[in-house]
Amino acid sequence: MGYVSIRVGESPELYYLGHVGYRIEEPFRGNGYAGEACRLLIPFLTRIGIRSLVITNDPDNLPSRATCEKLGCVLERIATVPGRYRRIVNGSTHKCRYIWRIQD
């Protein structure tokens, strides 16, 4: 179906990659699975003391942006990705940075 991953810490790379990554395979898209997978992480995140995360996506990735909005994330900004980091974000030139505040 897909996956969700967490990247813990702070770095220049994570500024553009974000703390949470997810991918849903084509046949399963449109069912809210990415958001559900993120919500299932909440008990673990609160247990390890994480209260706020960044999720990034490309400005034209409307399904991912909708997932962030359904999670209650707030769009912090659309950042220009410097050339030295574009390789790690699959060539993206811009990233939407959403802040996800974890609610118990």
PDB file of N, CA and C in Angstrom:
ATOM      1  N   MET A   1       0.816  -1.206   0.000  1.00  0.00           N
ATOM      2  CA  MET A   1       0.000   0.000   0.000  1.00  0.00           C
ATOM      3  C   MET A   1       0.852   1.259   0.000  1.00  0.00           C
ATOM      4  N   GLY A   2       1.917   1.255   0.802  1.00  0.00           N
ATOM      5  CA  GLY A   2       2.747   2.441   0.913  1.00  0.00           C
ATOM      6  C   GLY A   2       3.523   2.427   2.204  1.00  0.00           C
ATOM      7  N   TYR A   3       3.979   3.594   2.614  1.00  0.00           N
ATOM      8  CA  TYR A   3       4.762   3.690   3.845  1.00  0.00           C
ATOM      9  C   TYR A   3       4.667   5.095   4.437  1.00  0.00           C
ATOM     10  N   VAL A   4       5.049   5.186   5.684  1.00  0.00           N
ATOM     11  CA  VAL A   4       5.261   6.464   6.358  1.00  0.00           C
ATOM     12  C   VAL A   4       6.581   6.336   7.103  1.00  0.00           C
ATOM     13  N   SER A   5       7.353   7.401   7.128  1.00  0.00           N
ATOM     14  CA  SER A   5       8.640   7.374   7.829  1.00  0.00           C
ATOM     15  C   SER A   5       8.801   8.653   8.636  1.00  0.00           C
ATOM     16  N   ILE A   6       9.636   8.541   9.665  1.00  0.00           N
ATOM     17  CA  ILE A   6       9.940   9.690  10.523  1.00  0.00           C
ATOM     18  C   ILE A   6      11.435   9.927  10.478  1.00  0.00           C
ATOM     19  N   ARG A   7      11.807  11.170  10.362  1.00  0.00           N
ATOM     20  CA  ARG A   7      13.212  11.579  10.444  1.00  0.00           C
ATOM     21  C   ARG A   7      13.331  12.467  11.675  1.00  0.00           C
ATOM     22  N   VAL A   8      14.137  12.057  12.622  1.00  0.00           N
ATOM     23  CA  VAL A   8      14.261  12.787  13.889  1.00  0.00           C
ATOM     24  C   VAL A   8      15.498  13.672  13.834  1.00  0.00           C
ATOM     25  N   GLY A   9      15.383  14.860  14.387  1.00  0.00           N
ATOM     26  CA  GLY A   9      16.515  15.778  14.460  1.00  0.00           C
ATOM     27  C   GLY A   9      16.281  17.008  13.616  1.00  0.00           C
ATOM     28  N   GLU A  10      17.324  17.785  13.501  1.00  0.00           N
ATOM     29  CA  GLU A  10      17.287  19.002  12.692  1.00  0.00           C
ATOM     30  C   GLU A  10      18.569  19.072  11.880  1.00  0.00           C
ATOM     31  N   SER A  11      18.449  19.475  10.630  1.00  0.00           N
ATOM     32  CA  SER A  11      19.608  19.664   9.766  1.00  0.00           C
ATOM     33  C   SER A  11      19.162  20.492   8.572  1.00  0.00           C
ATOM     34  N   PRO A  12      20.103  21.043   7.827  1.00  0.00           N
ATOM     35  CA  PRO A  12      19.704  21.766   6.613  1.00  0.00           C
ATOM     36  C   PRO A  12      18.929  20.871   5.645  1.00  0.00           C
ATOM     37  N   GLU A  13      19.306  19.600   5.562  1.00  0.00           N
ATOM     38  CA  GLU A  13      18.609  18.682   4.674  1.00  0.00           C
ATOM     39  C   GLU A  13      17.165  18.458   5.122  1.00  0.00           C
ATOM     40  N   LEU A  14      16.978  18.282   6.421  1.00  0.00           N
ATOM     41  CA  LEU A  14      15.621  18.047   6.935  1.00  0.00           C
ATOM     42  C   LEU A  14      14.728  19.271   6.775  1.00  0.00           C
ATOM     43  N   TYR A  15      15.321  20.438   6.673  1.00  0.00           N
ATOM     44  CA  TYR A  15      14.523  21.635   6.429  1.00  0.00           C
ATOM     45  C   TYR A  15      13.694  21.449   5.155  1.00  0.00           C
ATOM     46  N   TYR A  16      14.282  20.809   4.149  1.00  0.00           N
ATOM     47  CA  TYR A  16      13.604  20.603   2.872  1.00  0.00           C
ATOM     48  C   TYR A  16      12.938  19.232   2.762  1.00  0.00           C
ATOM     49  N   LEU A  17      13.472  18.232   3.455  1.00  0.00           N
ATOM     50  CA  LEU A  17      12.883  16.882   3.434  1.00  0.00           C
ATOM     51  C   LEU A  17      11.704  16.754   4.390  1.00  0.00           C
ATOM     52  N   GLY A  18      11.758  17.476   5.494  1.00  0.00           N
ATOM     53  CA  GLY A  18      10.735  17.354   6.523  1.00  0.00           C
ATOM     54  C   GLY A  18      11.009  16.190   7.454  1.00  0.00           C
ATOM     55  N   HIS A  19      10.259  16.127   8.534  1.00  0.00           N
ATOM     56  CA  HIS A  19      10.403  15.062   9.528  1.00  0.00           C
ATOM     57  C   HIS A  19       9.559  13.840   9.195  1.00  0.00           C
ATOM     58  N   VAL A  20       8.517  14.028   8.411  1.00  0.00           N
ATOM     59  CA  VAL A  20       7.615  12.927   8.063  1.00  0.00           C
ATOM     60  C   VAL A  20       7.606  12.770   6.548  1.00  0.00           C
ATOM     61  N   GLY A  21       7.733  11.534   6.117  1.00  0.00           N
ATOM     62  CA  GLY A  21       7.608  11.222   4.696  1.00  0.00           C
ATOM     63  C   GLY A  21       6.571  10.129   4.520  1.00  0.00           C
ATOM     64  N   TYR A  22       5.821  10.188   3.461  1.00  0.00           N
ATOM     65  CA  TYR A  22       4.852   9.133   3.183  1.00  0.00           C
ATOM     66  C   TYR A  22       4.696   8.966   1.679  1.00  0.00           C
ATOM     67  N   ARG A  23       4.306   7.776   1.315  1.00  0.00           N
ATOM     68  CA  ARG A  23       3.998   7.475  -0.087  1.00  0.00           C
ATOM     69  C   ARG A  23       2.924   6.401  -0.102  1.00  0.00           C
ATOM     70  N   ILE A  24       1.914   6.638  -0.899  1.00  0.00           N
ATOM     71  CA  ILE A  24       0.846   5.666  -1.094  1.00  0.00           C
ATOM     72  C   ILE A  24       0.902   5.240  -2.559  1.00  0.00           C
ATOM     73  N   GLU A  25       0.926   3.943  -2.776  1.00  0.00           N
ATOM     74  CA  GLU A  25       0.995   3.425  -4.146  1.00  0.00           C
ATOM     75  C   GLU A  25      -0.296   3.751  -4.894  1.00  0.00           C
ATOM     76  N   GLU A  26      -0.149   3.937  -6.179  1.00  0.00           N
ATOM     77  CA  GLU A  26      -1.229   4.404  -7.048  1.00  0.00           C
ATOM     78  C   GLU A  26      -2.594   3.731  -6.820  1.00  0.00           C
ATOM     79  N   PRO A  27      -2.695   2.397  -6.748  1.00  0.00           N
ATOM     80  CA  PRO A  27      -4.027   1.791  -6.621  1.00  0.00           C
ATOM     81  C   PRO A  27      -4.739   2.123  -5.305  1.00  0.00           C
ATOM     82  N   PHE A  28      -3.997   2.623  -4.322  1.00  0.00           N
ATOM     83  CA  PHE A  28      -4.571   2.858  -2.996  1.00  0.00           C
ATOM     84  C   PHE A  28      -4.769   4.337  -2.684  1.00  0.00           C
ATOM     85  N   ARG A  29      -4.415   5.202  -3.605  1.00  0.00           N
ATOM     86  CA  ARG A  29      -4.519   6.646  -3.358  1.00  0.00           C
ATOM     87  C   ARG A  29      -5.978   7.096  -3.302  1.00  0.00           C
ATOM     88  N   GLY A  30      -6.197   8.192  -2.593  1.00  0.00           N
ATOM     89  CA  GLY A  30      -7.531   8.782  -2.515  1.00  0.00           C
ATOM     90  C   GLY A  30      -8.400   8.216  -1.409  1.00  0.00           C
ATOM     91  N   ASN A  31      -7.820   7.408  -0.533  1.00  0.00           N
ATOM     92  CA  ASN A  31      -8.576   6.800   0.563  1.00  0.00           C
ATOM     93  C   ASN A  31      -8.203   7.340   1.941  1.00  0.00           C
ATOM     94  N   GLY A  32      -7.317   8.330   1.995  1.00  0.00           N
ATOM     95  CA  GLY A  32      -6.924   8.906   3.278  1.00  0.00           C
ATOM     96  C   GLY A  32      -5.893   8.096   4.043  1.00  0.00           C
ATOM     97  N   TYR A  33      -5.231   7.155   3.375  1.00  0.00           N
ATOM     98  CA  TYR A  33      -4.288   6.287   4.074  1.00  0.00           C
ATOM     99  C   TYR A  33      -3.056   7.026   4.594  1.00  0.00           C
ATOM    100  N   ALA A  34      -2.566   8.019   3.874  1.00  0.00           N
ATOM    101  CA  ALA A  34      -1.389   8.760   4.341  1.00  0.00           C
ATOM    102  C   ALA A  34      -1.699   9.474   5.651  1.00  0.00           C
ATOM    103  N   GLY A  35      -2.839  10.124   5.709  1.00  0.00           N
ATOM    104  CA  GLY A  35      -3.227  10.808   6.942  1.00  0.00           C
ATOM    105  C   GLY A  35      -3.437   9.840   8.088  1.00  0.00           C
ATOM    106  N   GLU A  36      -4.063   8.711   7.794  1.00  0.00           N
ATOM    107  CA  GLU A  36      -4.294   7.708   8.840  1.00  0.00           C
ATOM    108  C   GLU A  36      -2.968   7.160   9.351  1.00  0.00           C
ATOM    109  N   ALA A  37      -2.032   6.907   8.444  1.00  0.00           N
ATOM    110  CA  ALA A  37      -0.715   6.416   8.860  1.00  0.00           C
ATOM    111  C   ALA A  37      -0.019   7.434   9.756  1.00  0.00           C
ATOM    112  N   CYS A  38      -0.124   8.707   9.410  1.00  0.00           N
ATOM    113  CA  CYS A  38       0.468   9.750  10.250  1.00  0.00           C
ATOM    114  C   CYS A  38      -0.190   9.784  11.624  1.00  0.00           C
ATOM    115  N   ARG A  39      -1.523   9.717  11.668  1.00  0.00           N
ATOM    116  CA  ARG A  39      -2.226   9.743  12.955  1.00  0.00           C
ATOM    117  C   ARG A  39      -1.854   8.546  13.830  1.00  0.00           C
ATOM    118  N   LEU A  40      -1.576   7.401  13.209  1.00  0.00           N
ATOM    119  CA  LEU A  40      -1.180   6.228  13.995  1.00  0.00           C
ATOM    120  C   LEU A  40       0.177   6.412  14.673  1.00  0.00           C
ATOM    121  N   LEU A  41       0.955   7.366  14.204  1.00  0.00           N
ATOM    122  CA  LEU A  41       2.255   7.659  14.820  1.00  0.00           C
ATOM    123  C   LEU A  41       2.150   8.503  16.088  1.00  0.00           C
ATOM    124  N   ILE A  42       1.009   9.127  16.317  1.00  0.00           N
ATOM    125  CA  ILE A  42       0.886  10.085  17.425  1.00  0.00           C
ATOM    126  C   ILE A  42       1.263   9.487  18.781  1.00  0.00           C
ATOM    127  N   PRO A  43       0.787   8.303  19.166  1.00  0.00           N
ATOM    128  CA  PRO A  43       1.195   7.774  20.478  1.00  0.00           C
ATOM    129  C   PRO A  43       2.715   7.611  20.603  1.00  0.00           C
ATOM    130  N   PHE A  44       3.351   7.131  19.555  1.00  0.00           N
ATOM    131  CA  PHE A  44       4.810   6.985  19.579  1.00  0.00           C
ATOM    132  C   PHE A  44       5.482   8.347  19.689  1.00  0.00           C
ATOM    133  N   LEU A  45       5.040   9.309  18.892  1.00  0.00           N
ATOM    134  CA  LEU A  45       5.646  10.637  18.907  1.00  0.00           C
ATOM    135  C   LEU A  45       5.514  11.300  20.273  1.00  0.00           C
ATOM    136  N   THR A  46       4.342  11.198  20.882  1.00  0.00           N
ATOM    137  CA  THR A  46       4.171  11.808  22.203  1.00  0.00           C
ATOM    138  C   THR A  46       5.007  11.080  23.255  1.00  0.00           C
ATOM    139  N   ARG A  47       5.126   9.763  23.114  1.00  0.00           N
ATOM    140  CA  ARG A  47       5.936   8.998  24.066  1.00  0.00           C
ATOM    141  C   ARG A  47       7.408   9.419  24.028  1.00  0.00           C
ATOM    142  N   ILE A  48       7.921   9.766  22.848  1.00  0.00           N
ATOM    143  CA  ILE A  48       9.322  10.185  22.769  1.00  0.00           C
ATOM    144  C   ILE A  48       9.484  11.708  22.875  1.00  0.00           C
ATOM    145  N   GLY A  49       8.396  12.406  23.175  1.00  0.00           N
ATOM    146  CA  GLY A  49       8.467  13.832  23.471  1.00  0.00           C
ATOM    147  C   GLY A  49       8.413  14.763  22.278  1.00  0.00           C
ATOM    148  N   ILE A  50       8.015  14.270  21.135  1.00  0.00           N
ATOM    149  CA  ILE A  50       7.912  15.134  19.956  1.00  0.00           C
ATOM    150  C   ILE A  50       6.516  15.743  19.919  1.00  0.00           C
ATOM    151  N   ARG A  51       6.462  17.058  19.887  1.00  0.00           N
ATOM    152  CA  ARG A  51       5.187  17.774  19.906  1.00  0.00           C
ATOM    153  C   ARG A  51       4.909  18.528  18.610  1.00  0.00           C
ATOM    154  N   SER A  52       5.938  18.656  17.769  1.00  0.00           N
ATOM    155  CA  SER A  52       5.777  19.411  16.533  1.00  0.00           C
ATOM    156  C   SER A  52       6.719  18.839  15.479  1.00  0.00           C
ATOM    157  N   LEU A  53       6.212  18.686  14.265  1.00  0.00           N
ATOM    158  CA  LEU A  53       6.993  18.140  13.157  1.00  0.00           C
ATOM    159  C   LEU A  53       6.767  18.979  11.912  1.00  0.00           C
ATOM    160  N   VAL A  54       7.671  18.810  10.957  1.00  0.00           N
ATOM    161  CA  VAL A  54       7.518  19.451   9.656  1.00  0.00           C
ATOM    162  C   VAL A  54       7.237  18.374   8.612  1.00  0.00           C
ATOM    163  N   ILE A  55       6.251  18.620   7.781  1.00  0.00           N
ATOM    164  CA  ILE A  55       5.969  17.789   6.619  1.00  0.00           C
ATOM    165  C   ILE A  55       6.152  18.694   5.405  1.00  0.00           C
ATOM    166  N   THR A  56       6.947  18.237   4.436  1.00  0.00           N
ATOM    167  CA  THR A  56       7.131  19.035   3.228  1.00  0.00           C
ATOM    168  C   THR A  56       6.561  18.296   2.026  1.00  0.00           C
ATOM    169  N   ASN A  57       6.174  19.079   1.044  1.00  0.00           N
ATOM    170  CA  ASN A  57       5.715  18.517  -0.218  1.00  0.00           C
ATOM    171  C   ASN A  57       5.886  19.564  -1.314  1.00  0.00           C
ATOM    172  N   ASP A  58       5.807  19.109  -2.550  1.00  0.00           N
ATOM    173  CA  ASP A  58       5.919  20.027  -3.679  1.00  0.00           C
ATOM    174  C   ASP A  58       4.642  20.853  -3.791  1.00  0.00           C
ATOM    175  N   PRO A  59       4.765  22.113  -4.190  1.00  0.00           N
ATOM    176  CA  PRO A  59       3.574  22.960  -4.310  1.00  0.00           C
ATOM    177  C   PRO A  59       2.491  22.390  -5.219  1.00  0.00           C
ATOM    178  N   ASP A  60       2.878  21.626  -6.240  1.00  0.00           N
ATOM    179  CA  ASP A  60       1.871  21.079  -7.155  1.00  0.00           C
ATOM    180  C   ASP A  60       1.343  19.709  -6.720  1.00  0.00           C
ATOM    181  N   ASN A  61       1.782  19.203  -5.578  1.00  0.00           N
ATOM    182  CA  ASN A  61       1.301  17.913  -5.074  1.00  0.00           C
ATOM    183  C   ASN A  61       0.050  18.152  -4.224  1.00  0.00           C
ATOM    184  N   LEU A  62      -1.044  18.398  -4.885  1.00  0.00           N
ATOM    185  CA  LEU A  62      -2.282  18.764  -4.188  1.00  0.00           C
ATOM    186  C   LEU A  62      -2.795  17.670  -3.249  1.00  0.00           C
ATOM    187  N   PRO A  63      -2.695  16.374  -3.587  1.00  0.00           N
ATOM    188  CA  PRO A  63      -3.143  15.359  -2.625  1.00  0.00           C
ATOM    189  C   PRO A  63      -2.344  15.385  -1.323  1.00  0.00           C
ATOM    190  N   SER A  64      -1.029  15.572  -1.415  1.00  0.00           N
ATOM    191  CA  SER A  64      -0.214  15.628  -0.200  1.00  0.00           C
ATOM    192  C   SER A  64      -0.525  16.891   0.603  1.00  0.00           C
ATOM    193  N   ARG A  65      -0.736  17.977  -0.088  1.00  0.00           N
ATOM    194  CA  ARG A  65      -1.102  19.211   0.605  1.00  0.00           C
ATOM    195  C   ARG A  65      -2.452  19.038   1.314  1.00  0.00           C
ATOM    196  N   ALA A  66      -3.393  18.341   0.671  1.00  0.00           N
ATOM    197  CA  ALA A  66      -4.688  18.079   1.301  1.00  0.00           C
ATOM    198  C   ALA A  66      -4.520  17.199   2.533  1.00  0.00           C
ATOM    199  N   THR A  67      -3.619  16.219   2.465  1.00  0.00           N
ATOM    200  CA  THR A  67      -3.343  15.383   3.635  1.00  0.00           C
ATOM    201  C   THR A  67      -2.864  16.243   4.792  1.00  0.00           C
ATOM    202  N   CYS A  68      -1.935  17.153   4.525  1.00  0.00           N
ATOM    203  CA  CYS A  68      -1.436  18.043   5.577  1.00  0.00           C
ATOM    204  C   CYS A  68      -2.562  18.877   6.169  1.00  0.00           C
ATOM    205  N   GLU A  69      -3.410  19.410   5.333  1.00  0.00           N
ATOM    206  CA  GLU A  69      -4.510  20.244   5.827  1.00  0.00           C
ATOM    207  C   GLU A  69      -5.489  19.425   6.657  1.00  0.00           C
ATOM    208  N   LYS A  70      -5.770  18.185   6.251  1.00  0.00           N
ATOM    209  CA  LYS A  70      -6.668  17.323   7.024  1.00  0.00           C
ATOM    210  C   LYS A  70      -6.068  16.949   8.373  1.00  0.00           C
ATOM    211  N   LEU A  71      -4.727  16.888   8.444  1.00  0.00           N
ATOM    212  CA  LEU A  71      -4.062  16.616   9.724  1.00  0.00           C
ATOM    213  C   LEU A  71      -4.067  17.843  10.638  1.00  0.00           C
ATOM    214  N   GLY A  72      -4.437  18.992  10.089  1.00  0.00           N
ATOM    215  CA  GLY A  72      -4.434  20.224  10.877  1.00  0.00           C
ATOM    216  C   GLY A  72      -3.112  20.964  10.815  1.00  0.00           C
ATOM    217  N   CYS A  73      -2.279  20.595   9.856  1.00  0.00           N
ATOM    218  CA  CYS A  73      -0.995  21.273   9.694  1.00  0.00           C
ATOM    219  C   CYS A  73      -1.220  22.713   9.219  1.00  0.00           C
ATOM    220  N   VAL A  74      -0.246  23.549   9.510  1.00  0.00           N
ATOM    221  CA  VAL A  74      -0.288  24.947   9.090  1.00  0.00           C
ATOM    222  C   VAL A  74       0.846  25.183   8.103  1.00  0.00           C
ATOM    223  N   LEU A  75       0.531  25.781   6.963  1.00  0.00           N
ATOM    224  CA  LEU A  75       1.555  26.098   5.978  1.00  0.00           C
ATOM    225  C   LEU A  75       2.432  27.214   6.524  1.00  0.00           C
ATOM    226  N   GLU A  76       3.694  26.884   6.780  1.00  0.00           N
ATOM    227  CA  GLU A  76       4.642  27.884   7.277  1.00  0.00           C
ATOM    228  C   GLU A  76       5.109  28.783   6.138  1.00  0.00           C
ATOM    229  N   ARG A  77       5.512  28.146   5.033  1.00  0.00           N
ATOM    230  CA  ARG A  77       5.993  28.907   3.885  1.00  0.00           C
ATOM    231  C   ARG A  77       6.242  27.960   2.722  1.00  0.00           C
ATOM    232  N   ILE A  78       6.431  28.531   1.559  1.00  0.00           N
ATOM    233  CA  ILE A  78       6.926  27.787   0.406  1.00  0.00           C
ATOM    234  C   ILE A  78       8.364  28.240   0.212  1.00  0.00           C
ATOM    235  N   ALA A  79       9.291  27.306   0.433  1.00  0.00           N
ATOM    236  CA  ALA A  79      10.719  27.612   0.418  1.00  0.00           C
ATOM    237  C   ALA A  79      11.340  27.228  -0.916  1.00  0.00           C
ATOM    238  N   THR A  80      12.243  28.062  -1.386  1.00  0.00           N
ATOM    239  CA  THR A  80      13.055  27.730  -2.556  1.00  0.00           C
ATOM    240  C   THR A  80      14.153  26.779  -2.101  1.00  0.00           C
ATOM    241  N   VAL A  81      14.290  25.663  -2.791  1.00  0.00           N
ATOM    242  CA  VAL A  81      15.308  24.671  -2.442  1.00  0.00           C
ATOM    243  C   VAL A  81      16.619  25.059  -3.113  1.00  0.00           C
ATOM    244  N   PRO A  82      17.679  25.318  -2.322  1.00  0.00           N
ATOM    245  CA  PRO A  82      18.978  25.626  -2.930  1.00  0.00           C
ATOM    246  C   PRO A  82      19.471  24.454  -3.779  1.00  0.00           C
ATOM    247  N   GLY A  83      20.230  24.752  -4.799  1.00  0.00           N
ATOM    248  CA  GLY A  83      20.721  23.737  -5.719  1.00  0.00           C
ATOM    249  C   GLY A  83      21.413  22.573  -5.032  1.00  0.00           C
ATOM    250  N   ARG A  84      22.170  22.824  -3.978  1.00  0.00           N
ATOM    251  CA  ARG A  84      22.922  21.739  -3.317  1.00  0.00           C
ATOM    252  C   ARG A  84      22.026  20.713  -2.635  1.00  0.00           C
ATOM    253  N   TYR A  85      20.739  21.045  -2.406  1.00  0.00           N
ATOM    254  CA  TYR A  85      19.812  20.110  -1.753  1.00  0.00           C
ATOM    255  C   TYR A  85      18.804  19.490  -2.724  1.00  0.00           C
ATOM    256  N   ARG A  86      18.807  19.906  -3.957  1.00  0.00           N
ATOM    257  CA  ARG A  86      17.787  19.419  -4.905  1.00  0.00           C
ATOM    258  C   ARG A  86      17.901  17.928  -5.177  1.00  0.00           C
ATOM    259  N   ARG A  87      19.100  17.389  -5.111  1.00  0.00           N
ATOM    260  CA  ARG A  87      19.269  15.951  -5.340  1.00  0.00           C
ATOM    261  C   ARG A  87      18.501  15.143  -4.304  1.00  0.00           C
ATOM    262  N   ILE A  88      18.511  15.586  -3.052  1.00  0.00           N
ATOM    263  CA  ILE A  88      17.854  14.803  -1.988  1.00  0.00           C
ATOM    264  C   ILE A  88      16.339  14.975  -1.992  1.00  0.00           C
ATOM    265  N   VAL A  89      15.839  15.951  -2.736  1.00  0.00           N
ATOM    266  CA  VAL A  89      14.379  16.143  -2.836  1.00  0.00           C
ATOM    267  C   VAL A  89      13.907  15.874  -4.262  1.00  0.00           C
ATOM    268  N   ASN A  90      14.583  14.954  -4.919  1.00  0.00           N
ATOM    269  CA  ASN A  90      14.201  14.504  -6.266  1.00  0.00           C
ATOM    270  C   ASN A  90      14.068  15.644  -7.274  1.00  0.00           C
ATOM    271  N   GLY A  91      14.955  16.632  -7.158  1.00  0.00           N
ATOM    272  CA  GLY A  91      14.992  17.717  -8.131  1.00  0.00           C
ATOM    273  C   GLY A  91      14.006  18.840  -7.893  1.00  0.00           C
ATOM    274  N   SER A  92      13.247  18.797  -6.822  1.00  0.00           N
ATOM    275  CA  SER A  92      12.261  19.851  -6.552  1.00  0.00           C
ATOM    276  C   SER A  92      12.950  21.202  -6.367  1.00  0.00           C
ATOM    277  N   THR A  93      12.351  22.221  -6.920  1.00  0.00           N
ATOM    278  CA  THR A  93      12.896  23.574  -6.770  1.00  0.00           C
ATOM    279  C   THR A  93      12.251  24.329  -5.620  1.00  0.00           C
ATOM    280  N   HIS A  94      11.067  23.874  -5.190  1.00  0.00           N
ATOM    281  CA  HIS A  94      10.338  24.517  -4.085  1.00  0.00           C
ATOM    282  C   HIS A  94       9.686  23.447  -3.217  1.00  0.00           C
ATOM    283  N   LYS A  95       9.584  23.736  -1.941  1.00  0.00           N
ATOM    284  CA  LYS A  95       8.914  22.835  -0.999  1.00  0.00           C
ATOM    285  C   LYS A  95       7.970  23.635  -0.111  1.00  0.00           C
ATOM    286  N   CYS A  96       6.751  23.135   0.016  1.00  0.00           N
ATOM    287  CA  CYS A  96       5.821  23.673   1.012  1.00  0.00           C
ATOM    288  C   CYS A  96       6.248  23.095   2.358  1.00  0.00           C
ATOM    289  N   ARG A  97       6.391  23.937   3.364  1.00  0.00           N
ATOM    290  CA  ARG A  97       6.745  23.491   4.713  1.00  0.00           C
ATOM    291  C   ARG A  97       5.503  23.637   5.599  1.00  0.00           C
ATOM    292  N   TYR A  98       4.958  22.489   5.981  1.00  0.00           N
ATOM    293  CA  TYR A  98       3.798  22.464   6.866  1.00  0.00           C
ATOM    294  C   TYR A  98       4.252  22.097   8.275  1.00  0.00           C
ATOM    295  N   ILE A  99       3.723  22.794   9.261  1.00  0.00           N
ATOM    296  CA  ILE A  99       3.999  22.487  10.662  1.00  0.00           C
ATOM    297  C   ILE A  99       2.835  21.669  11.202  1.00  0.00           C
ATOM    298  N   TRP A 100       3.155  20.503  11.759  1.00  0.00           N
ATOM    299  CA  TRP A 100       2.154  19.609  12.344  1.00  0.00           C
ATOM    300  C   TRP A 100       2.356  19.602  13.857  1.00  0.00           C
ATOM    301  N   ARG A 101       1.446  20.209  14.573  1.00  0.00           N
ATOM    302  CA  ARG A 101       1.493  20.209  16.038  1.00  0.00           C
ATOM    303  C   ARG A 101       0.700  19.003  16.518  1.00  0.00           C
ATOM    304  N   ILE A 102       1.373  18.156  17.270  1.00  0.00           N
ATOM    305  CA  ILE A 102       0.776  16.913  17.725  1.00  0.00           C
ATOM    306  C   ILE A 102      -0.167  17.179  18.897  1.00  0.00           C
ATOM    307  N   GLN A 103      -1.392  16.690  18.760  1.00  0.00           N
ATOM    308  CA  GLN A 103      -2.405  16.809  19.817  1.00  0.00           C
ATOM    309  C   GLN A 103      -2.614  15.430  20.428  1.00  0.00           C
ATOM    310  N   ASP A 104      -2.599  15.341  21.745  1.00  0.00           N
ATOM    311  CA  ASP A 104      -2.892  14.039  22.393  1.00  0.00           C
ATOM    312  C   ASP A 104      -4.383  13.791  22.345  1.00  0.00           C
TER     313      ASP A 104
END
